[in-house]
Amino acid sequence: MSMFDSLLHGLDDQEQDRTRELIADSVATDRADALAGKAPDRLVDSGSRRRRSRAETQRR
């Protein structure tokens, strides 16, 4: 079972389709940003606290 399949396990068909769309959109955006020389801009969940990604911190 792939990582993405494990994320979808237990979701109904509509939720699985929506999750696949969100993953595909995220990958496409990250790929376009990488081609443009940008790092992905997203928050990193580190358990009980949230922080900006290391790439975001280094850009400041």
Protein backbone atom coordinates (compact mmCIF):
# COMPACT_ATOMS: atom_id res chain seq x y z
CA MET A 1 0.00 0.00 0.00
CA SER A 2 1.44 3.37 -0.97
CA MET A 3 1.60 6.32 1.39
CA PHE A 4 -1.21 8.02 -0.53
CA ASP A 5 -3.37 4.90 -0.43
CA SER A 6 -2.92 4.72 3.34
CA LEU A 7 -4.09 8.35 3.60
CA LEU A 8 -7.23 7.50 1.64
CA HIS A 9 -8.07 4.31 3.55
CA GLY A 10 -11.41 4.70 5.31
CA LEU A 11 -12.62 7.69 3.29
CA ASP A 12 -15.72 7.45 1.12
CA ASP A 13 -15.37 7.76 -2.67
CA GLN A 14 -16.15 11.48 -2.77
CA GLU A 15 -13.61 12.25 -0.03
CA GLN A 16 -11.02 10.07 -1.76
CA ASP A 17 -11.51 11.94 -5.05
CA ARG A 18 -11.26 15.32 -3.32
CA THR A 19 -8.13 14.25 -1.43
CA ARG A 20 -6.52 13.03 -4.67
CA GLU A 21 -7.31 16.41 -6.28
CA LEU A 22 -5.77 18.31 -3.36
CA ILE A 23 -2.62 16.18 -3.46
CA ALA A 24 -2.31 16.61 -7.25
CA ASP A 25 -2.79 20.39 -6.94
CA SER A 26 -0.19 20.59 -4.19
CA VAL A 27 2.33 18.56 -6.18
CA ALA A 28 1.73 20.66 -9.31
CA THR A 29 2.17 23.90 -7.35
CA ASP A 30 5.35 22.64 -5.67
CA ARG A 31 6.73 21.51 -9.04
CA ALA A 32 6.00 24.90 -10.64
CA ASP A 33 7.56 26.71 -7.67
CA ALA A 34 10.65 24.50 -7.85
CA LEU A 35 11.04 25.26 -11.55
CA ALA A 36 10.76 28.96 -10.70
CA GLY A 37 13.40 28.57 -7.97
CA LYS A 38 11.03 29.01 -5.03
CA ALA A 39 10.73 26.79 -1.96
CA PRO A 40 7.28 25.48 -1.00
CA ASP A 41 5.45 27.89 1.31
CA ARG A 42 3.57 25.91 3.92
CA LEU A 43 3.39 25.40 7.65
CA VAL A 44 5.10 22.42 9.23
CA ASP A 45 3.23 20.53 11.94
CA SER A 46 5.76 19.50 14.57
CA GLY A 47 3.35 17.84 16.98
CA SER A 48 1.94 20.13 19.64
CA ARG A 49 3.16 23.33 17.97
CA ARG A 50 3.16 24.75 14.49
CA ARG A 51 6.01 26.68 12.96
CA ARG A 52 7.03 27.98 9.60
CA SER A 53 9.04 25.63 7.44
CA ARG A 54 12.82 25.88 7.65
CA ALA A 55 12.94 27.22 4.08
CA GLU A 56 10.55 30.04 5.01
CA THR A 57 12.64 30.93 8.06
CA GLN A 58 15.86 31.02 6.02
CA ARG A 59 14.32 33.38 3.45
CA ARG A 60 13.79 36.07 6.10
